[in-house]
């Protein structure tokens, strides 16, 4: 994972100090975890890797002290920390000393949160107390077919609940990238996984003060792409692929997607514009028409908060018909989950640029980084429709008395479309800063981000906010 020859190992001679259950006869230097630092493309990264060949990678008091030492080094030098997990939980022979070690590691995870990026890579088993350290880091990645995460294993599940389940079914990569959303991505093998972690680190700042990394770009920020003029279909109910738009706007079509297999009705990930990292949040009309539901709201809210913590500007592409209706969503707490995304965007002090490509209906218009909640620059394409709801639904409510007359309803629908389903109504009030041509999107977004580099926004002093968890 690290640049060739850059790794410096710490504490290779540390051993456990347990004398119970015959452990005094079995001591191995390093004690099941390798710690140290190195570089990724020349930038400092701290790293620890659990070694399953030594006591199953289980955590002892000495093992935990090694991890804490490298976590504290990462905090002092303000460098990202990457943890490679392949371990079986706490070392049973050490009892509460091992549990105390876990607590020390967890505490450093929390202290480092929002200060340096923390990435967990699950490359084998990760069970019991071991899962909670990754859970508090910024990103978790897994390897298909060889890694799994769970609090209690299949044997305990069988004993307690009488369920028969395999490790893969209980906590494999597919489960965590599609159902639980615990993991942010999964890769085919160990080598591919480590190469993608290098790629992710290239997008991330080293800490919360350094600002985004600047990489050479050979892609003209003023590039015009006329294919975008026809990407939105004439039929407002016909989908199109929002990822195609993202790839045409970012530098060299280089986009690192986060949680690609979970809540696919919203797209989150990192790209670059003029060589500088931006976070991208975009509704995906190809899935559930791009509607916001509980899962999509949680996914996007967490991503927005990460970007805000590390001073990464956010570009939002909006095509949202509203929030997903139904008892399943309401019983599942859609109100609270939707509020998380609203809270995250409103709280963000980084540069915010929004482009409405088509639908922006109802409360979802407000939530998706609208001017009203603090977004700096709001653009709309001529195809944008900004209203409380679609024309058909609105007319059926406003002119309920004319429902028996199809001609009247058709006329009223046309009137509503002309009056409200146009970006110029919002532009008249200053809610949209400018209506732009789709082919100029990259150029306009790049100019807006360049202008916003000096943005400073102070929030009122407080201990911390009360996020609607």
Protein backbone atom coordinates (compact mmCIF):
# COMPACT_ATOMS: atom_id res chain seq x y z
CA UNK A 1 0.00 0.00 0.00
CA UNK A 2 2.85 2.39 0.83
CA UNK A 3 5.47 3.82 -1.53
CA UNK A 4 8.36 1.41 -2.06
CA UNK A 5 10.97 1.68 0.70
CA UNK A 6 9.04 4.29 2.68
CA UNK A 7 7.74 2.11 5.56
CA UNK A 8 9.32 2.67 8.99
CA UNK A 9 8.20 0.11 11.56
CA UNK A 10 7.69 0.96 15.24
CA UNK A 11 7.67 -1.41 18.23
CA UNK A 12 8.66 -4.59 16.39
CA UNK A 13 10.05 -6.11 19.61
CA UNK A 14 7.04 -5.44 21.85
CA UNK A 15 5.62 -8.63 23.45
CA UNK A 16 2.60 -9.37 25.62
CA UNK A 17 3.04 -9.54 29.40
CA UNK A 18 0.45 -12.25 30.17
CA UNK A 19 1.56 -15.18 32.38
CA UNK A 20 -1.79 -16.98 32.67
CA UNK A 21 -2.94 -20.13 30.87
CA UNK A 22 0.61 -20.97 29.75
CA UNK A 23 0.95 -17.72 27.78
CA UNK A 24 4.39 -17.07 29.37
CA UNK A 25 5.76 -19.88 27.15
CA UNK A 26 4.36 -18.32 23.97
CA UNK A 27 5.70 -14.87 23.17
CA UNK A 28 6.16 -13.47 19.68
CA UNK A 29 7.87 -10.11 18.91
CA UNK A 30 5.33 -7.60 17.55
CA UNK A 31 2.43 -9.35 19.33
CA UNK A 32 0.11 -9.65 16.36
CA UNK A 33 0.09 -6.09 15.00
CA UNK A 34 2.56 -4.24 12.76
CA UNK A 35 2.64 -0.46 13.23
CA UNK A 36 4.56 2.40 11.65
CA UNK A 37 4.45 5.10 9.04
CA UNK A 38 5.31 5.62 5.39
CA UNK A 39 4.16 7.61 2.39
CA UNK A 40 1.52 7.31 -0.32
CA UNK A 41 2.57 9.25 -3.41
CA UNK A 42 4.95 11.21 -1.19
CA UNK A 43 2.41 12.15 1.52
CA UNK A 44 2.84 10.85 5.09
CA UNK A 45 0.43 8.13 6.27
CA UNK A 46 0.40 6.26 9.60
CA UNK A 47 -0.61 2.61 9.44
CA UNK A 48 -1.26 -0.47 11.55
CA UNK A 49 -1.88 -3.97 10.23
CA UNK A 50 -3.16 -6.86 12.32
CA UNK A 51 -1.32 -10.13 11.74
CA UNK A 52 -3.61 -13.18 11.87
CA UNK A 53 -0.61 -15.55 12.00
CA UNK A 54 0.23 -14.36 15.55
CA UNK A 55 -2.41 -15.37 18.13
CA UNK A 56 -5.07 -14.94 15.43
CA UNK A 57 -4.37 -11.20 15.42
CA UNK A 58 -6.17 -10.99 18.77
CA UNK A 59 -5.83 -7.81 20.80
CA UNK A 60 -3.80 -7.88 24.02
CA UNK A 61 -2.85 -5.00 26.29
CA UNK A 62 0.56 -4.62 24.56
CA UNK A 63 -1.05 -4.95 21.11
CA UNK A 64 -3.46 -2.12 21.99
CA UNK A 65 -0.63 0.08 23.30
CA UNK A 66 1.11 -0.25 19.94
CA UNK A 67 -2.06 0.84 18.13
CA UNK A 68 -2.62 3.77 20.51
CA UNK A 69 0.98 4.93 20.01
CA UNK A 70 0.57 5.12 16.22
CA UNK A 71 -2.85 6.78 16.57
CA UNK A 72 -1.33 9.47 18.79
CA UNK A 73 1.55 9.92 16.33
CA UNK A 74 -0.98 10.44 13.52
CA UNK A 75 -2.69 13.11 15.63
CA UNK A 76 0.60 14.87 16.44
CA UNK A 77 1.87 14.98 12.86
CA UNK A 78 -1.66 15.49 11.47
CA UNK A 79 -1.43 12.58 9.02
CA UNK A 80 -4.13 10.11 7.87
CA UNK A 81 -4.23 6.74 9.60
CA UNK A 82 -5.04 3.49 7.80
CA UNK A 83 -5.86 0.30 9.73
CA UNK A 84 -5.66 -3.12 8.04
CA UNK A 85 -7.85 -5.59 9.96
CA UNK A 86 -7.45 -9.37 9.96
CA UNK A 87 -8.16 -10.46 13.50
CA UNK A 88 -10.35 -12.47 15.82
CA UNK A 89 -11.24 -10.02 18.58
CA UNK A 90 -9.94 -9.69 22.14
CA UNK A 91 -7.31 -12.09 23.53
CA UNK A 92 -9.38 -14.14 25.94
CA UNK A 93 -6.38 -15.10 28.13
CA UNK A 94 -5.91 -11.42 29.12
CA UNK A 95 -9.52 -10.76 30.13
CA UNK A 96 -10.26 -7.20 31.20
CA UNK A 97 -6.77 -5.97 30.24
CA UNK A 98 -7.65 -6.65 26.60
CA UNK A 99 -11.02 -4.93 27.00
CA UNK A 100 -9.26 -1.92 28.54
CA UNK A 101 -6.96 -1.85 25.52
CA UNK A 102 -9.97 -1.69 23.21
CA UNK A 103 -11.33 1.26 25.16
CA UNK A 104 -8.03 3.15 24.73
CA UNK A 105 -8.11 2.56 20.96
CA UNK A 106 -11.77 3.64 20.72
CA UNK A 107 -11.05 6.84 22.63
CA UNK A 108 -8.29 7.80 20.13
CA UNK A 109 -10.66 7.06 17.24
CA UNK A 110 -13.07 9.62 18.63
CA UNK A 111 -10.37 12.22 19.37
CA UNK A 112 -9.00 11.86 15.82
CA UNK A 113 -12.44 12.10 14.20
CA UNK A 114 -12.63 15.26 12.12
CA UNK A 115 -8.91 15.96 12.69
CA UNK A 116 -7.23 13.38 10.43
CA UNK A 117 -8.87 11.00 7.93
CA UNK A 118 -9.23 7.48 9.34
CA UNK A 119 -9.61 4.56 6.93
CA UNK A 120 -10.29 0.94 7.91
CA UNK A 121 -9.60 -1.90 5.51
CA UNK A 122 -11.13 -5.26 6.45
CA UNK A 123 -8.95 -7.94 4.84
CA UNK A 124 -10.05 -11.01 6.80
CA UNK A 125 -12.17 -11.70 9.88
CA UNK A 126 -13.11 -8.74 12.07
CA UNK A 127 -15.25 -9.70 15.04
CA UNK A 128 -16.32 -8.68 18.52
CA UNK A 129 -14.66 -5.56 19.89
CA UNK A 130 -12.55 -5.23 16.73
CA UNK A 131 -15.55 -4.00 14.71
CA UNK A 132 -16.14 -0.88 16.79
CA UNK A 133 -12.86 0.80 15.95
CA UNK A 134 -13.58 0.64 12.18
CA UNK A 135 -17.16 1.73 12.87
CA UNK A 136 -15.89 5.05 14.26
CA UNK A 137 -13.52 5.71 11.35
CA UNK A 138 -14.43 7.72 8.26
CA UNK A 139 -14.36 4.92 5.69
CA UNK A 140 -14.51 1.12 5.76
CA UNK A 141 -13.57 -1.03 2.77
CA UNK A 142 -13.80 -4.81 2.47
CA UNK A 143 -12.54 -7.60 0.20
CA UNK A 144 -15.15 -9.80 -1.46
CA UNK A 145 -15.13 -13.43 -0.41
CA UNK A 146 -12.37 -13.16 2.21
CA UNK A 147 -13.42 -10.49 4.73
CA UNK A 148 -16.33 -10.27 7.12
CA UNK A 149 -17.44 -8.17 10.10
CA UNK A 150 -19.86 -8.99 12.89
CA UNK A 151 -20.26 -8.32 16.61
CA UNK A 152 -21.15 -11.96 17.38
CA UNK A 153 -20.16 -14.88 15.17
CA UNK A 154 -22.29 -17.66 13.62
CA UNK A 155 -21.77 -20.03 16.59
CA UNK A 156 -23.03 -17.47 19.13
CA UNK A 157 -25.95 -16.58 16.85
CA UNK A 158 -26.86 -20.29 16.61
CA UNK A 159 -26.72 -20.69 20.41
CA UNK A 160 -28.71 -17.56 21.28
CA UNK A 161 -31.27 -17.22 18.45
CA UNK A 162 -31.16 -20.71 16.90
CA UNK A 163 -30.43 -19.17 13.48
CA UNK A 164 -28.08 -21.12 11.24
CA UNK A 165 -26.00 -18.67 9.22
CA UNK A 166 -22.57 -18.61 7.59
CA UNK A 167 -19.91 -15.95 8.22
CA UNK A 168 -20.48 -14.61 4.70
CA UNK A 169 -24.27 -14.39 5.16
CA UNK A 170 -23.90 -12.79 8.60
CA UNK A 171 -21.25 -10.17 7.84
CA UNK A 172 -19.67 -10.60 4.42
CA UNK A 173 -18.78 -7.74 2.08
CA UNK A 174 -22.02 -8.05 0.08
CA UNK A 175 -24.11 -7.73 3.26
CA UNK A 176 -22.29 -4.62 4.45
CA UNK A 177 -22.21 -2.75 1.11
CA UNK A 178 -25.86 -3.40 0.18
CA UNK A 179 -27.90 -3.95 3.37
CA UNK A 180 -26.27 -2.56 6.51
CA UNK A 181 -24.27 0.28 4.87
CA UNK A 182 -21.48 -0.43 7.38
CA UNK A 183 -18.90 -0.61 4.55
CA UNK A 184 -18.27 2.09 1.96
CA UNK A 185 -17.06 -0.26 -0.75
CA UNK A 186 -15.75 -3.73 -1.56
CA UNK A 187 -13.04 -4.86 -3.94
CA UNK A 188 -12.30 -8.15 -5.70
CA UNK A 189 -8.98 -8.99 -4.04
CA UNK A 190 -6.37 -7.67 -1.58
CA UNK A 191 -4.16 -6.03 -4.21
CA UNK A 192 -7.04 -4.18 -5.88
CA UNK A 193 -8.22 -3.06 -2.43
CA UNK A 194 -4.83 -1.59 -1.45
CA UNK A 195 -4.44 0.16 -4.82
CA UNK A 196 -7.87 1.77 -4.40
CA UNK A 197 -6.98 2.92 -0.87
CA UNK A 198 -3.94 4.68 -2.37
CA UNK A 199 -6.26 6.30 -4.90
CA UNK A 200 -8.68 7.44 -2.17
CA UNK A 201 -5.84 8.93 -0.11
CA UNK A 202 -4.86 11.05 -3.14
CA UNK A 203 -8.29 12.72 -2.94
CA UNK A 204 -8.20 13.38 0.82
CA UNK A 205 -6.50 16.20 2.74
CA UNK A 206 -3.90 15.09 5.28
CA UNK A 207 -5.88 16.78 8.06
CA UNK A 208 -8.61 19.30 8.77
CA UNK A 209 -6.34 22.36 8.33
CA UNK A 210 -4.20 21.61 5.27
CA UNK A 211 -6.91 22.00 2.64
CA UNK A 212 -7.45 19.66 -0.29
CA UNK A 213 -4.41 18.30 -2.16
CA UNK A 214 -3.57 19.91 -5.51
CA UNK A 215 -2.63 17.50 -8.30
CA UNK A 216 -1.58 18.42 -11.85
CA UNK A 217 -4.57 18.37 -14.23
CA UNK A 218 -4.49 18.25 -18.01
CA UNK A 219 -8.22 18.89 -18.30
CA UNK A 220 -9.18 22.46 -19.27
CA UNK A 221 -11.53 23.93 -16.59
CA UNK A 222 -13.25 25.89 -19.39
CA UNK A 223 -13.94 22.71 -21.39
CA UNK A 224 -17.36 22.78 -23.08
CA UNK A 225 -19.32 19.52 -23.51
CA UNK A 226 -22.26 19.88 -25.90
CA UNK A 227 -23.46 16.32 -25.22
CA UNK A 228 -24.80 17.63 -21.88
CA UNK A 229 -27.37 19.73 -23.75
CA UNK A 230 -29.25 16.54 -24.65
CA UNK A 231 -28.63 14.41 -21.53
CA UNK A 232 -32.00 15.31 -19.95
CA UNK A 233 -34.84 13.63 -21.91
CA UNK A 234 -37.80 15.68 -23.18
CA UNK A 235 -40.14 13.39 -21.23
CA UNK A 236 -39.87 14.49 -17.55
CA UNK A 237 -40.64 10.94 -16.40
CA UNK A 238 -37.83 9.34 -18.38
CA UNK A 239 -34.60 8.63 -16.44
CA UNK A 240 -31.00 9.39 -17.41
CA UNK A 241 -27.72 8.44 -15.76
CA UNK A 242 -26.48 11.16 -13.39
CA UNK A 243 -23.05 9.47 -13.24
CA UNK A 244 -22.58 10.32 -16.93
CA UNK A 245 -23.00 14.00 -16.03
CA UNK A 246 -20.57 13.72 -13.10
CA UNK A 247 -17.89 12.03 -15.25
CA UNK A 248 -18.22 14.78 -17.89
CA UNK A 249 -17.84 17.58 -15.32
CA UNK A 250 -14.93 16.35 -13.16
CA UNK A 251 -11.26 16.36 -14.23
CA UNK A 252 -10.34 13.52 -16.60
CA UNK A 253 -13.54 11.58 -15.74
CA UNK A 254 -11.88 10.51 -12.48
CA UNK A 255 -14.58 9.87 -9.87
CA UNK A 256 -14.17 7.81 -6.67
CA UNK A 257 -17.65 6.74 -5.60
CA UNK A 258 -18.49 6.11 -1.93
CA UNK A 259 -21.17 3.52 -1.02
CA UNK A 260 -21.94 2.81 -4.68
CA UNK A 261 -24.09 -0.24 -3.84
CA UNK A 262 -26.20 1.23 -1.05
CA UNK A 263 -29.08 3.73 -1.51
CA UNK A 264 -28.27 3.96 -5.21
CA UNK A 265 -30.89 6.70 -5.66
CA UNK A 266 -28.22 9.12 -4.46
CA UNK A 267 -24.60 9.26 -5.63
CA UNK A 268 -21.74 10.39 -3.36
CA UNK A 269 -18.02 10.48 -4.05
CA UNK A 270 -14.88 12.47 -4.77
CA UNK A 271 -13.74 14.11 -8.00
CA UNK A 272 -11.42 16.97 -8.89
CA UNK A 273 -11.95 20.30 -10.59
CA UNK A 274 -8.83 22.24 -11.58
CA UNK A 275 -6.79 19.57 -9.77
CA UNK A 276 -8.52 20.19 -6.41
CA UNK A 277 -10.74 17.65 -4.65
CA UNK A 278 -14.49 18.25 -4.50
CA UNK A 279 -17.19 16.15 -2.87
CA UNK A 280 -20.06 15.29 -5.21
CA UNK A 281 -23.64 14.66 -4.05
CA UNK A 282 -26.18 13.89 -6.79
CA UNK A 283 -29.66 12.41 -7.10
CA UNK A 284 -29.73 9.41 -9.46
CA UNK A 285 -32.89 9.39 -11.66
CA UNK A 286 -32.05 5.83 -12.78
CA UNK A 287 -33.00 4.47 -9.32
CA UNK A 288 -36.40 5.22 -7.75
CA UNK A 289 -36.49 8.36 -9.96
CA UNK A 290 -33.84 9.92 -7.69
CA UNK A 291 -36.25 10.22 -4.77
CA UNK A 292 -34.91 10.86 -1.25
CA UNK A 293 -35.58 8.08 1.24
CA UNK A 294 -34.23 7.27 4.70
CA UNK A 295 -31.17 5.37 3.42
CA UNK A 296 -30.24 7.99 0.81
CA UNK A 297 -30.58 10.78 3.38
CA UNK A 298 -28.30 9.02 5.89
CA UNK A 299 -25.73 8.15 3.24
CA UNK A 300 -25.54 11.70 1.88
CA UNK A 301 -25.61 13.33 5.34
CA UNK A 302 -22.58 11.36 6.52
CA UNK A 303 -20.70 12.18 3.34
CA UNK A 304 -21.52 15.92 3.59
CA UNK A 305 -20.35 16.00 7.22
CA UNK A 306 -17.06 14.34 6.28
CA UNK A 307 -16.45 16.89 3.51
CA UNK A 308 -17.28 19.77 5.84
CA UNK A 309 -14.96 18.45 8.57
CA UNK A 310 -12.03 18.32 6.15
CA UNK A 311 -12.67 21.53 4.18
CA UNK A 312 -13.63 19.74 0.96
CA UNK A 313 -15.96 21.88 -1.23
CA UNK A 314 -19.26 20.22 -2.16
CA UNK A 315 -20.94 20.25 -5.59
CA UNK A 316 -24.56 19.08 -5.63
CA UNK A 317 -26.48 17.98 -8.73
CA UNK A 318 -30.23 18.01 -8.11
CA UNK A 319 -32.96 16.01 -9.82
CA UNK A 320 -35.30 15.06 -7.00
CA UNK A 321 -39.07 14.51 -7.22
CA UNK A 322 -39.45 14.59 -3.43
CA UNK A 323 -39.30 12.23 -0.46
CA UNK A 324 -40.40 8.60 -0.84
CA UNK A 325 -43.96 8.13 0.50
CA UNK A 326 -45.27 5.08 2.35
CA UNK A 327 -45.66 3.46 5.75
CA UNK A 328 -42.29 1.67 5.52
CA UNK A 329 -40.50 5.00 5.21
CA UNK A 330 -42.53 6.78 7.89
CA UNK A 331 -42.20 3.88 10.35
CA UNK A 332 -38.48 3.78 9.55
CA UNK A 333 -38.04 7.38 10.69
CA UNK A 334 -37.85 9.19 7.33
CA UNK A 335 -38.50 12.49 9.08
CA UNK A 336 -35.43 12.15 11.31
CA UNK A 337 -33.23 10.72 8.53
CA UNK A 338 -34.25 13.45 6.09
CA UNK A 339 -33.47 15.98 8.82
CA UNK A 340 -29.91 14.60 9.03
CA UNK A 341 -29.21 15.62 5.43
CA UNK A 342 -30.88 19.00 5.92
CA UNK A 343 -28.84 19.52 9.09
CA UNK A 344 -25.58 18.51 7.40
CA UNK A 345 -25.96 20.86 4.43
CA UNK A 346 -27.16 23.75 6.61
CA UNK A 347 -24.29 23.30 9.05
CA UNK A 348 -21.60 23.09 6.34
CA UNK A 349 -19.24 26.07 6.08
CA UNK A 350 -17.24 24.82 3.07
CA UNK A 351 -17.86 26.22 -0.44
CA UNK A 352 -21.22 24.91 -1.69
CA UNK A 353 -22.26 24.94 -5.36
CA UNK A 354 -25.56 23.49 -6.57
CA UNK A 355 -26.80 22.73 -10.09
CA UNK A 356 -30.48 21.84 -10.59
CA UNK A 357 -30.70 19.74 -13.76
CA UNK A 358 -34.39 18.86 -13.74
CA UNK A 359 -36.84 18.27 -10.88
CA UNK A 360 -36.55 19.99 -7.52
CA UNK A 361 -39.90 19.38 -5.85
CA UNK A 362 -41.25 19.95 -2.36
CA UNK A 363 -39.17 19.85 0.81
CA UNK A 364 -36.53 17.86 -1.06
CA UNK A 365 -35.74 21.06 -3.03
CA UNK A 366 -34.87 22.80 0.23
CA UNK A 367 -32.88 19.84 1.59
CA UNK A 368 -30.71 19.38 -1.52
CA UNK A 369 -28.38 22.29 -0.82
CA UNK A 370 -30.76 25.11 -1.75
CA UNK A 371 -29.98 28.83 -1.50
CA UNK A 372 -32.23 29.11 1.57
CA UNK A 373 -30.06 26.85 3.75
CA UNK A 374 -26.80 28.60 2.95
CA UNK A 375 -25.49 27.39 -0.41
CA UNK A 376 -23.18 29.94 -2.01
CA UNK A 377 -23.84 29.55 -5.74
CA UNK A 378 -27.02 28.00 -7.16
CA UNK A 379 -27.32 27.32 -10.89
CA UNK A 380 -30.17 25.75 -12.84
CA UNK A 381 -30.38 24.32 -16.33
CA UNK A 382 -33.22 25.55 -18.59
CA UNK A 383 -34.82 22.11 -18.06
CA UNK A 384 -35.11 22.72 -14.29
CA UNK A 385 -38.54 22.42 -12.68
CA UNK A 386 -38.72 24.00 -9.22
CA UNK A 387 -42.09 23.72 -7.49
CA UNK A 388 -43.98 22.25 -4.55
CA UNK A 389 -44.90 19.24 -6.70
CA UNK A 390 -45.39 18.13 -10.30
CA UNK A 391 -48.02 19.88 -12.43
CA UNK A 392 -50.48 16.95 -12.53
CA UNK A 393 -50.58 16.48 -8.74
CA UNK A 394 -50.76 20.22 -8.09
CA UNK A 395 -53.66 20.80 -10.50
CA UNK A 396 -55.60 17.86 -9.08
CA UNK A 397 -55.39 19.50 -5.65
CA UNK A 398 -55.91 23.17 -6.61
CA UNK A 399 -58.70 22.55 -9.14
CA UNK A 400 -60.35 19.54 -7.56
CA UNK A 401 -63.77 20.91 -8.56
CA UNK A 402 -62.87 20.64 -12.25
CA UNK A 403 -61.78 16.99 -12.14
CA UNK A 404 -64.79 15.92 -14.26
CA UNK A 405 -63.73 18.19 -17.13
CA UNK A 406 -60.56 16.80 -18.82
CA UNK A 407 -60.20 19.84 -21.10
CA UNK A 408 -60.19 22.26 -18.18
CA UNK A 409 -57.70 20.09 -16.29
CA UNK A 410 -55.40 19.92 -19.34
CA UNK A 411 -55.54 23.71 -19.68
CA UNK A 412 -54.88 24.27 -15.96
CA UNK A 413 -51.95 21.82 -16.10
CA UNK A 414 -50.40 23.74 -18.99
CA UNK A 415 -50.88 27.02 -17.10
CA UNK A 416 -49.22 25.55 -13.99
CA UNK A 417 -46.29 24.24 -16.03
CA UNK A 418 -45.69 27.62 -17.63
CA UNK A 419 -46.06 29.51 -14.34
CA UNK A 420 -44.07 27.26 -11.99
CA UNK A 421 -42.19 24.50 -13.80
CA UNK A 422 -39.48 26.83 -15.00
CA UNK A 423 -36.22 27.93 -13.36
CA UNK A 424 -36.96 31.57 -14.12
CA UNK A 425 -39.60 31.89 -11.38
CA UNK A 426 -36.95 30.95 -8.78
CA UNK A 427 -34.40 33.12 -10.59
CA UNK A 428 -36.76 36.13 -10.35
CA UNK A 429 -36.60 35.83 -6.56
CA UNK A 430 -32.84 35.29 -6.44
CA UNK A 431 -33.13 31.66 -5.29
CA UNK A 432 -31.24 30.68 -8.44
CA UNK A 433 -28.20 32.85 -9.19
CA UNK A 434 -28.21 32.08 -12.89
CA UNK A 435 -29.79 29.80 -15.44
CA UNK A 436 -26.88 28.23 -17.32
CA UNK A 437 -26.57 26.10 -20.44
CA UNK A 438 -25.79 22.44 -19.65
CA UNK A 439 -22.71 22.41 -21.91
CA UNK A 440 -21.11 25.16 -19.79
CA UNK A 441 -21.62 23.35 -16.45
CA UNK A 442 -17.96 22.41 -15.87
CA UNK A 443 -16.75 25.92 -16.71
CA UNK A 444 -19.31 27.63 -14.46
CA UNK A 445 -18.77 25.24 -11.53
CA UNK A 446 -14.97 25.65 -11.83
CA UNK A 447 -15.27 29.45 -11.80
CA UNK A 448 -17.62 29.37 -8.79
CA UNK A 449 -15.27 27.09 -6.83
CA UNK A 450 -12.28 29.28 -7.67
CA UNK A 451 -14.14 32.36 -6.43
CA UNK A 452 -15.18 30.57 -3.22
CA UNK A 453 -11.68 29.45 -2.20
CA UNK A 454 -11.44 32.35 0.24
CA UNK A 455 -14.86 31.70 1.80
CA UNK A 456 -15.00 32.25 5.57
CA UNK A 457 -18.15 31.52 7.52
CA UNK A 458 -18.26 31.52 11.32
CA UNK A 459 -20.97 29.64 13.22
CA UNK A 460 -22.19 30.85 16.65
CA UNK A 461 -20.05 29.45 19.50
CA UNK A 462 -21.38 26.23 21.08
CA UNK A 463 -20.02 23.09 22.67
CA UNK A 464 -21.44 20.96 19.86
CA UNK A 465 -24.68 20.64 17.95
CA UNK A 466 -27.39 18.06 18.61
CA UNK A 467 -27.52 16.22 15.29
CA UNK A 468 -30.87 14.39 14.78
CA UNK A 469 -29.27 10.94 15.09
